[in-house]
N, C-alpha and C. Protein backbone atom coordinates (compact mmCIF):
# COMPACT_ATOMS: atom_id res chain seq x y z
N UNK A 1 -13.79 -7.62 -11.72
CA UNK A 1 -13.08 -7.51 -12.97
C UNK A 1 -12.23 -6.23 -13.01
N UNK A 2 -12.82 -5.08 -12.65
CA UNK A 2 -12.07 -3.83 -12.62
C UNK A 2 -11.74 -3.49 -11.18
N UNK A 3 -10.49 -3.04 -10.96
CA UNK A 3 -10.06 -2.67 -9.62
C UNK A 3 -9.83 -1.17 -9.48
N UNK A 4 -9.45 -0.53 -10.59
CA UNK A 4 -9.17 0.90 -10.57
C UNK A 4 -9.55 1.49 -11.93
N UNK A 5 -10.50 2.41 -11.90
CA UNK A 5 -11.00 3.04 -13.13
C UNK A 5 -10.58 4.50 -13.13
N UNK A 6 -10.05 4.95 -14.25
CA UNK A 6 -9.73 6.37 -14.43
C UNK A 6 -10.81 6.97 -15.31
N UNK A 7 -11.39 8.06 -14.83
CA UNK A 7 -12.45 8.77 -15.54
C UNK A 7 -11.92 10.12 -15.99
N UNK A 8 -11.96 10.37 -17.27
CA UNK A 8 -11.60 11.69 -17.80
C UNK A 8 -12.85 12.55 -17.77
N UNK A 9 -12.78 13.67 -17.07
CA UNK A 9 -13.95 14.52 -16.97
C UNK A 9 -13.58 15.98 -17.20
N UNK A 10 -14.48 16.69 -17.86
CA UNK A 10 -14.27 18.13 -18.05
C UNK A 10 -15.54 18.92 -17.74
N UNK A 11 -16.55 18.23 -17.21
CA UNK A 11 -17.79 18.90 -16.83
C UNK A 11 -18.76 19.12 -17.98
N UNK A 12 -18.40 18.70 -19.18
CA UNK A 12 -19.27 18.88 -20.34
C UNK A 12 -20.39 17.84 -20.33
N UNK A 13 -21.45 18.09 -21.12
CA UNK A 13 -22.51 17.08 -21.21
C UNK A 13 -22.00 15.71 -21.67
N UNK A 14 -21.02 15.71 -22.57
CA UNK A 14 -20.46 14.43 -23.04
C UNK A 14 -19.77 13.69 -21.90
N UNK A 15 -19.06 14.42 -21.06
CA UNK A 15 -18.38 13.74 -19.96
C UNK A 15 -19.35 13.38 -18.84
N UNK A 16 -20.49 14.06 -18.74
CA UNK A 16 -21.49 13.70 -17.72
C UNK A 16 -21.96 12.26 -17.91
N UNK A 17 -22.15 11.86 -19.16
CA UNK A 17 -22.57 10.48 -19.42
C UNK A 17 -21.45 9.52 -19.02
N UNK A 18 -20.21 9.89 -19.30
CA UNK A 18 -19.07 9.06 -18.91
C UNK A 18 -18.98 8.94 -17.38
N UNK A 19 -19.29 10.03 -16.67
CA UNK A 19 -19.27 10.01 -15.20
C UNK A 19 -20.27 8.99 -14.68
N UNK A 20 -21.48 9.05 -15.18
CA UNK A 20 -22.52 8.11 -14.75
C UNK A 20 -22.10 6.66 -15.00
N UNK A 21 -21.56 6.43 -16.18
CA UNK A 21 -21.12 5.09 -16.54
C UNK A 21 -19.96 4.62 -15.66
N UNK A 22 -18.95 5.46 -15.46
CA UNK A 22 -17.78 5.09 -14.68
C UNK A 22 -18.13 4.84 -13.22
N UNK A 23 -18.96 5.69 -12.64
CA UNK A 23 -19.37 5.50 -11.24
C UNK A 23 -20.17 4.21 -11.10
N UNK A 24 -21.05 3.93 -12.04
CA UNK A 24 -21.81 2.69 -12.01
C UNK A 24 -20.91 1.46 -12.10
N UNK A 25 -19.92 1.50 -12.98
CA UNK A 25 -18.98 0.38 -13.10
C UNK A 25 -18.15 0.23 -11.83
N UNK A 26 -17.68 1.34 -11.29
CA UNK A 26 -16.89 1.28 -10.05
C UNK A 26 -17.71 0.70 -8.91
N UNK A 27 -18.95 1.11 -8.80
CA UNK A 27 -19.83 0.61 -7.74
C UNK A 27 -20.08 -0.89 -7.93
N UNK A 28 -20.36 -1.31 -9.14
CA UNK A 28 -20.65 -2.71 -9.43
C UNK A 28 -19.46 -3.61 -9.13
N UNK A 29 -18.26 -3.14 -9.48
CA UNK A 29 -17.05 -3.96 -9.33
C UNK A 29 -16.29 -3.68 -8.03
N UNK A 30 -16.77 -2.73 -7.23
CA UNK A 30 -16.06 -2.39 -6.01
C UNK A 30 -14.70 -1.76 -6.31
N UNK A 31 -14.62 -1.07 -7.42
CA UNK A 31 -13.36 -0.48 -7.88
C UNK A 31 -13.16 0.92 -7.33
N UNK A 32 -11.90 1.32 -7.25
CA UNK A 32 -11.55 2.70 -6.92
C UNK A 32 -11.70 3.52 -8.19
N UNK A 33 -12.08 4.79 -8.03
CA UNK A 33 -12.28 5.67 -9.18
C UNK A 33 -11.38 6.90 -9.03
N UNK A 34 -10.66 7.21 -10.10
CA UNK A 34 -9.85 8.42 -10.13
C UNK A 34 -10.41 9.32 -11.23
N UNK A 35 -10.88 10.50 -10.84
CA UNK A 35 -11.40 11.47 -11.81
C UNK A 35 -10.25 12.39 -12.21
N UNK A 36 -9.99 12.46 -13.51
CA UNK A 36 -8.88 13.26 -14.03
C UNK A 36 -9.44 14.42 -14.83
N UNK A 37 -8.98 15.62 -14.49
CA UNK A 37 -9.28 16.81 -15.25
C UNK A 37 -7.96 17.27 -15.86
N UNK A 38 -7.86 17.24 -17.17
CA UNK A 38 -6.63 17.61 -17.86
C UNK A 38 -6.79 19.00 -18.47
N UNK A 39 -5.79 19.84 -18.22
CA UNK A 39 -5.80 21.21 -18.72
C UNK A 39 -4.90 21.29 -19.95
N UNK A 40 -5.43 21.82 -21.03
CA UNK A 40 -4.59 22.06 -22.20
C UNK A 40 -3.46 23.00 -21.82
N UNK A 41 -2.27 22.81 -22.40
CA UNK A 41 -1.18 23.76 -22.11
C UNK A 41 -1.59 25.18 -22.49
N UNK A 42 -1.08 26.14 -21.74
CA UNK A 42 -1.39 27.55 -22.01
C UNK A 42 -1.01 27.88 -23.44
N UNK A 43 -1.96 28.35 -24.24
CA UNK A 43 -1.72 28.48 -25.69
C UNK A 43 -0.82 29.64 -26.11
N UNK A 44 -0.49 30.56 -25.22
CA UNK A 44 0.24 31.76 -25.64
C UNK A 44 1.69 31.81 -25.16
N UNK A 45 2.22 30.70 -24.65
CA UNK A 45 3.57 30.74 -24.10
C UNK A 45 4.64 31.02 -25.15
N UNK A 46 4.45 30.61 -26.36
CA UNK A 46 5.47 30.80 -27.39
C UNK A 46 5.34 32.08 -28.17
N UNK A 47 4.42 32.94 -27.82
CA UNK A 47 4.16 34.14 -28.60
C UNK A 47 4.65 35.39 -27.89
N UNK A 48 5.88 35.77 -28.17
CA UNK A 48 6.39 37.02 -27.62
C UNK A 48 6.50 37.01 -26.12
N UNK A 49 6.30 38.17 -25.53
CA UNK A 49 6.42 38.34 -24.09
C UNK A 49 5.23 37.68 -23.39
N UNK A 50 5.51 36.91 -22.37
CA UNK A 50 4.47 36.19 -21.64
C UNK A 50 3.89 37.10 -20.57
N UNK A 51 2.58 37.18 -20.54
CA UNK A 51 1.89 37.95 -19.52
C UNK A 51 1.53 37.00 -18.37
N UNK A 52 2.19 37.12 -17.22
CA UNK A 52 1.90 36.19 -16.12
C UNK A 52 0.46 36.28 -15.62
N UNK A 53 -0.15 37.45 -15.77
CA UNK A 53 -1.54 37.60 -15.33
C UNK A 53 -2.47 36.76 -16.22
N UNK A 54 -2.17 36.71 -17.50
CA UNK A 54 -2.98 35.89 -18.41
C UNK A 54 -2.86 34.41 -18.08
N UNK A 55 -1.65 33.97 -17.80
CA UNK A 55 -1.43 32.58 -17.44
C UNK A 55 -2.15 32.24 -16.14
N UNK A 56 -2.05 33.11 -15.14
CA UNK A 56 -2.71 32.86 -13.86
C UNK A 56 -4.23 32.82 -14.02
N UNK A 57 -4.78 33.71 -14.84
CA UNK A 57 -6.22 33.71 -15.09
C UNK A 57 -6.65 32.41 -15.78
N UNK A 58 -5.82 31.94 -16.71
CA UNK A 58 -6.10 30.69 -17.43
C UNK A 58 -6.13 29.51 -16.46
N UNK A 59 -5.12 29.41 -15.62
CA UNK A 59 -5.04 28.30 -14.66
C UNK A 59 -6.17 28.40 -13.63
N UNK A 60 -6.45 29.61 -13.17
CA UNK A 60 -7.51 29.81 -12.18
C UNK A 60 -8.87 29.37 -12.74
N UNK A 61 -9.15 29.74 -13.99
CA UNK A 61 -10.41 29.35 -14.63
C UNK A 61 -10.47 27.83 -14.78
N UNK A 62 -9.36 27.22 -15.15
CA UNK A 62 -9.32 25.76 -15.30
C UNK A 62 -9.55 25.07 -13.96
N UNK A 63 -8.97 25.59 -12.89
CA UNK A 63 -9.15 25.00 -11.57
C UNK A 63 -10.61 25.11 -11.11
N UNK A 64 -11.24 26.21 -11.43
CA UNK A 64 -12.66 26.38 -11.09
C UNK A 64 -13.51 25.37 -11.85
N UNK A 65 -13.24 25.21 -13.14
CA UNK A 65 -13.99 24.24 -13.94
C UNK A 65 -13.73 22.82 -13.44
N UNK A 66 -12.50 22.54 -13.04
CA UNK A 66 -12.18 21.21 -12.52
C UNK A 66 -12.97 20.92 -11.26
N UNK A 67 -13.04 21.88 -10.35
CA UNK A 67 -13.79 21.68 -9.11
C UNK A 67 -15.27 21.44 -9.38
N UNK A 68 -15.82 22.14 -10.37
CA UNK A 68 -17.22 21.92 -10.75
C UNK A 68 -17.41 20.50 -11.30
N UNK A 69 -16.46 20.06 -12.13
CA UNK A 69 -16.54 18.70 -12.68
C UNK A 69 -16.40 17.66 -11.58
N UNK A 70 -15.46 17.88 -10.65
CA UNK A 70 -15.28 16.94 -9.54
C UNK A 70 -16.53 16.88 -8.67
N UNK A 71 -17.19 18.01 -8.48
CA UNK A 71 -18.40 18.04 -7.64
C UNK A 71 -19.47 17.11 -8.19
N UNK A 72 -19.63 17.10 -9.51
CA UNK A 72 -20.61 16.19 -10.13
C UNK A 72 -20.26 14.73 -9.83
N UNK A 73 -18.97 14.42 -9.91
CA UNK A 73 -18.52 13.04 -9.67
C UNK A 73 -18.73 12.68 -8.20
N UNK A 74 -18.39 13.60 -7.30
CA UNK A 74 -18.54 13.34 -5.86
C UNK A 74 -19.98 13.02 -5.49
N UNK A 75 -20.91 13.75 -6.08
CA UNK A 75 -22.34 13.51 -5.78
C UNK A 75 -22.73 12.09 -6.16
N UNK A 76 -22.31 11.64 -7.34
CA UNK A 76 -22.67 10.29 -7.77
C UNK A 76 -21.94 9.21 -6.98
N UNK A 77 -20.75 9.52 -6.48
CA UNK A 77 -19.97 8.54 -5.72
C UNK A 77 -20.45 8.38 -4.28
N UNK A 78 -21.20 9.34 -3.79
CA UNK A 78 -21.67 9.29 -2.40
C UNK A 78 -22.61 8.10 -2.19
N UNK A 79 -22.60 7.59 -0.98
CA UNK A 79 -23.48 6.47 -0.62
C UNK A 79 -24.93 6.93 -0.60
N UNK A 80 -25.81 6.01 -0.88
CA UNK A 80 -27.24 6.27 -0.78
C UNK A 80 -27.87 5.07 -0.08
N UNK A 81 -29.18 5.12 0.08
CA UNK A 81 -29.89 4.00 0.72
C UNK A 81 -29.74 2.71 -0.07
N UNK A 82 -29.62 2.85 -1.39
CA UNK A 82 -29.61 1.67 -2.26
C UNK A 82 -28.22 1.27 -2.73
N UNK A 83 -27.20 2.12 -2.53
CA UNK A 83 -25.88 1.82 -3.08
C UNK A 83 -24.77 2.30 -2.15
N UNK A 84 -23.69 1.52 -2.09
CA UNK A 84 -22.55 1.95 -1.27
C UNK A 84 -21.79 3.08 -1.97
N UNK A 85 -20.95 3.75 -1.21
CA UNK A 85 -20.16 4.82 -1.81
C UNK A 85 -19.03 4.22 -2.65
N UNK A 86 -18.49 5.05 -3.52
CA UNK A 86 -17.37 4.66 -4.36
C UNK A 86 -16.16 5.45 -3.88
N UNK A 87 -15.03 4.75 -3.69
CA UNK A 87 -13.79 5.43 -3.30
C UNK A 87 -13.33 6.30 -4.46
N UNK A 88 -13.16 7.59 -4.18
CA UNK A 88 -12.83 8.55 -5.23
C UNK A 88 -11.58 9.34 -4.88
N UNK A 89 -10.72 9.49 -5.87
CA UNK A 89 -9.62 10.44 -5.77
C UNK A 89 -9.67 11.30 -7.03
N UNK A 90 -9.17 12.51 -6.92
CA UNK A 90 -9.18 13.43 -8.07
C UNK A 90 -7.76 13.84 -8.41
N UNK A 91 -7.52 14.05 -9.69
CA UNK A 91 -6.21 14.47 -10.18
C UNK A 91 -6.40 15.55 -11.23
N UNK A 92 -5.54 16.56 -11.16
CA UNK A 92 -5.52 17.59 -12.20
C UNK A 92 -4.18 17.45 -12.92
N UNK A 93 -4.24 17.44 -14.24
CA UNK A 93 -3.05 17.26 -15.05
C UNK A 93 -2.88 18.49 -15.93
N UNK A 94 -1.66 19.01 -15.97
CA UNK A 94 -1.39 20.17 -16.83
C UNK A 94 0.00 20.02 -17.45
N UNK A 95 0.34 20.92 -18.34
CA UNK A 95 1.64 20.97 -19.01
C UNK A 95 1.87 19.87 -20.03
N UNK A 96 0.83 19.25 -20.52
CA UNK A 96 0.95 18.28 -21.60
C UNK A 96 -0.39 18.17 -22.31
N UNK A 97 -0.39 17.54 -23.47
CA UNK A 97 -1.64 17.36 -24.21
C UNK A 97 -2.65 16.61 -23.33
N UNK A 98 -3.91 16.94 -23.47
CA UNK A 98 -4.96 16.34 -22.65
C UNK A 98 -4.95 14.82 -22.74
N UNK A 99 -4.93 14.30 -23.96
CA UNK A 99 -4.97 12.83 -24.13
C UNK A 99 -3.76 12.17 -23.48
N UNK A 100 -2.60 12.75 -23.63
CA UNK A 100 -1.38 12.20 -23.03
C UNK A 100 -1.47 12.25 -21.51
N UNK A 101 -1.98 13.33 -20.97
CA UNK A 101 -2.14 13.45 -19.52
C UNK A 101 -3.07 12.40 -18.96
N UNK A 102 -4.15 12.13 -19.67
CA UNK A 102 -5.11 11.12 -19.22
C UNK A 102 -4.46 9.74 -19.22
N UNK A 103 -3.80 9.40 -20.32
CA UNK A 103 -3.18 8.08 -20.44
C UNK A 103 -2.05 7.90 -19.43
N UNK A 104 -1.21 8.91 -19.28
CA UNK A 104 -0.10 8.80 -18.33
C UNK A 104 -0.59 8.71 -16.88
N UNK A 105 -1.65 9.42 -16.56
CA UNK A 105 -2.23 9.31 -15.22
C UNK A 105 -2.77 7.91 -14.98
N UNK A 106 -3.47 7.36 -15.95
CA UNK A 106 -4.00 6.01 -15.82
C UNK A 106 -2.88 4.99 -15.61
N UNK A 107 -1.79 5.15 -16.35
CA UNK A 107 -0.66 4.23 -16.19
C UNK A 107 -0.01 4.40 -14.81
N UNK A 108 0.20 5.63 -14.39
CA UNK A 108 0.82 5.90 -13.09
C UNK A 108 -0.03 5.38 -11.93
N UNK A 109 -1.35 5.44 -12.09
CA UNK A 109 -2.26 5.00 -11.03
C UNK A 109 -2.49 3.49 -11.05
N UNK A 110 -2.01 2.81 -12.08
CA UNK A 110 -2.23 1.37 -12.19
C UNK A 110 -3.66 1.01 -12.54
N UNK A 111 -4.31 1.88 -13.30
CA UNK A 111 -5.71 1.66 -13.68
C UNK A 111 -5.83 0.50 -14.67
N UNK A 112 -6.97 -0.14 -14.63
CA UNK A 112 -7.22 -1.20 -15.61
C UNK A 112 -8.34 -0.84 -16.58
N UNK A 113 -8.85 0.40 -16.50
CA UNK A 113 -9.85 0.89 -17.45
C UNK A 113 -9.84 2.41 -17.43
N UNK A 114 -9.96 3.01 -18.62
CA UNK A 114 -10.15 4.45 -18.75
C UNK A 114 -11.54 4.66 -19.33
N UNK A 115 -12.31 5.55 -18.73
CA UNK A 115 -13.63 5.91 -19.27
C UNK A 115 -13.57 7.37 -19.69
N UNK A 116 -13.96 7.63 -20.93
CA UNK A 116 -13.91 8.98 -21.48
C UNK A 116 -15.18 9.22 -22.30
N UNK A 117 -15.67 10.43 -22.25
CA UNK A 117 -16.86 10.79 -23.02
C UNK A 117 -16.49 11.27 -24.41
N UNK A 118 -17.45 11.17 -25.33
CA UNK A 118 -17.25 11.63 -26.69
C UNK A 118 -18.47 12.42 -27.11
N UNK A 119 -18.22 13.49 -27.85
CA UNK A 119 -19.33 14.30 -28.37
C UNK A 119 -20.02 13.62 -29.54
N UNK A 120 -19.39 12.62 -30.13
CA UNK A 120 -19.98 11.91 -31.25
C UNK A 120 -19.92 12.67 -32.56
N UNK A 121 -18.98 13.59 -32.68
CA UNK A 121 -18.85 14.34 -33.93
C UNK A 121 -18.30 13.42 -35.01
N UNK A 122 -18.62 13.76 -36.24
CA UNK A 122 -18.08 12.99 -37.36
C UNK A 122 -17.78 13.94 -38.51
N UNK A 123 -17.16 13.40 -39.52
CA UNK A 123 -16.90 14.19 -40.73
C UNK A 123 -15.96 15.35 -40.49
N UNK A 124 -16.28 16.48 -41.11
CA UNK A 124 -15.42 17.67 -41.05
C UNK A 124 -15.28 18.19 -39.62
N UNK A 125 -16.35 18.16 -38.84
CA UNK A 125 -16.29 18.67 -37.46
C UNK A 125 -15.24 17.91 -36.65
N UNK A 126 -15.18 16.60 -36.84
CA UNK A 126 -14.21 15.79 -36.12
C UNK A 126 -12.79 16.10 -36.59
N UNK A 127 -12.63 16.27 -37.89
CA UNK A 127 -11.30 16.59 -38.42
C UNK A 127 -10.82 17.95 -37.95
N UNK A 128 -11.70 18.93 -37.90
CA UNK A 128 -11.32 20.28 -37.53
C UNK A 128 -11.09 20.41 -36.01
N UNK A 129 -11.92 19.77 -35.23
CA UNK A 129 -11.86 19.92 -33.78
C UNK A 129 -10.98 18.87 -33.11
N UNK A 130 -10.75 17.76 -33.80
CA UNK A 130 -10.02 16.67 -33.18
C UNK A 130 -10.91 15.95 -32.19
N UNK A 131 -10.39 14.93 -31.59
CA UNK A 131 -11.18 14.18 -30.62
C UNK A 131 -10.25 13.66 -29.53
N UNK A 132 -10.44 14.17 -28.33
CA UNK A 132 -9.65 13.69 -27.21
C UNK A 132 -9.89 12.20 -27.03
N UNK A 133 -11.13 11.77 -27.14
CA UNK A 133 -11.45 10.36 -26.96
C UNK A 133 -10.69 9.48 -27.95
N UNK A 134 -10.66 9.88 -29.22
CA UNK A 134 -9.96 9.05 -30.21
C UNK A 134 -8.46 9.05 -29.97
N UNK A 135 -7.91 10.16 -29.48
CA UNK A 135 -6.48 10.21 -29.17
C UNK A 135 -6.16 9.33 -27.97
N UNK A 136 -7.04 9.32 -26.97
CA UNK A 136 -6.83 8.45 -25.81
C UNK A 136 -6.85 6.99 -26.26
N UNK A 137 -7.81 6.63 -27.10
CA UNK A 137 -7.90 5.26 -27.60
C UNK A 137 -6.62 4.90 -28.35
N UNK A 138 -6.12 5.81 -29.18
CA UNK A 138 -4.91 5.54 -29.97
C UNK A 138 -3.66 5.42 -29.11
N UNK A 139 -3.56 6.21 -28.04
CA UNK A 139 -2.34 6.25 -27.22
C UNK A 139 -2.31 5.22 -26.10
N UNK A 140 -3.47 4.75 -25.67
CA UNK A 140 -3.53 3.98 -24.43
C UNK A 140 -3.26 2.48 -24.60
N UNK A 141 -2.37 1.94 -23.76
CA UNK A 141 -2.21 0.49 -23.71
C UNK A 141 -3.26 -0.14 -22.77
N UNK A 142 -3.99 0.72 -22.06
CA UNK A 142 -5.04 0.29 -21.13
C UNK A 142 -6.37 0.33 -21.88
N UNK A 143 -7.28 -0.62 -21.63
CA UNK A 143 -8.58 -0.58 -22.30
C UNK A 143 -9.29 0.75 -22.04
N UNK A 144 -9.98 1.26 -23.08
CA UNK A 144 -10.68 2.54 -23.00
C UNK A 144 -12.14 2.28 -23.35
N UNK A 145 -13.02 2.79 -22.51
CA UNK A 145 -14.46 2.75 -22.76
C UNK A 145 -14.90 4.14 -23.12
N UNK A 146 -15.42 4.32 -24.35
CA UNK A 146 -15.86 5.63 -24.81
C UNK A 146 -17.38 5.70 -24.66
N UNK A 147 -17.84 6.68 -23.87
CA UNK A 147 -19.27 6.87 -23.62
C UNK A 147 -19.78 7.95 -24.56
N UNK A 148 -20.89 7.68 -25.22
CA UNK A 148 -21.52 8.67 -26.11
C UNK A 148 -22.85 9.08 -25.53
């Protein structure tokens, strides 16, 4: 049923559940899995003089977090005695909103499912913090599976 699954991961506990779910679906369907780590645009670019050291530190920290998130996915994708390996590719997206980066990557890769984790916030917390998962659902023409 699924041939290519895009997994949005950021290494958080909410995305860990999505990783488990996406890898399981990919293994069951023999699908390829693309793990996407999306970096929020650097928040200080429009404020006065840009400090290149601050930008480099921001990107460096994001790349480190991405590698940690990818490592979790790689471990689950590896073959074991009971299960075959899952074909995995990783993508890092930057310079656009996280939700847009996830959706555009899924479209560019020809994915037929996006899996994203949700913290399950509601009420004021959801309004104040926003929800990447809900934005992905709203923006995506591709089916989205939200893992809680």
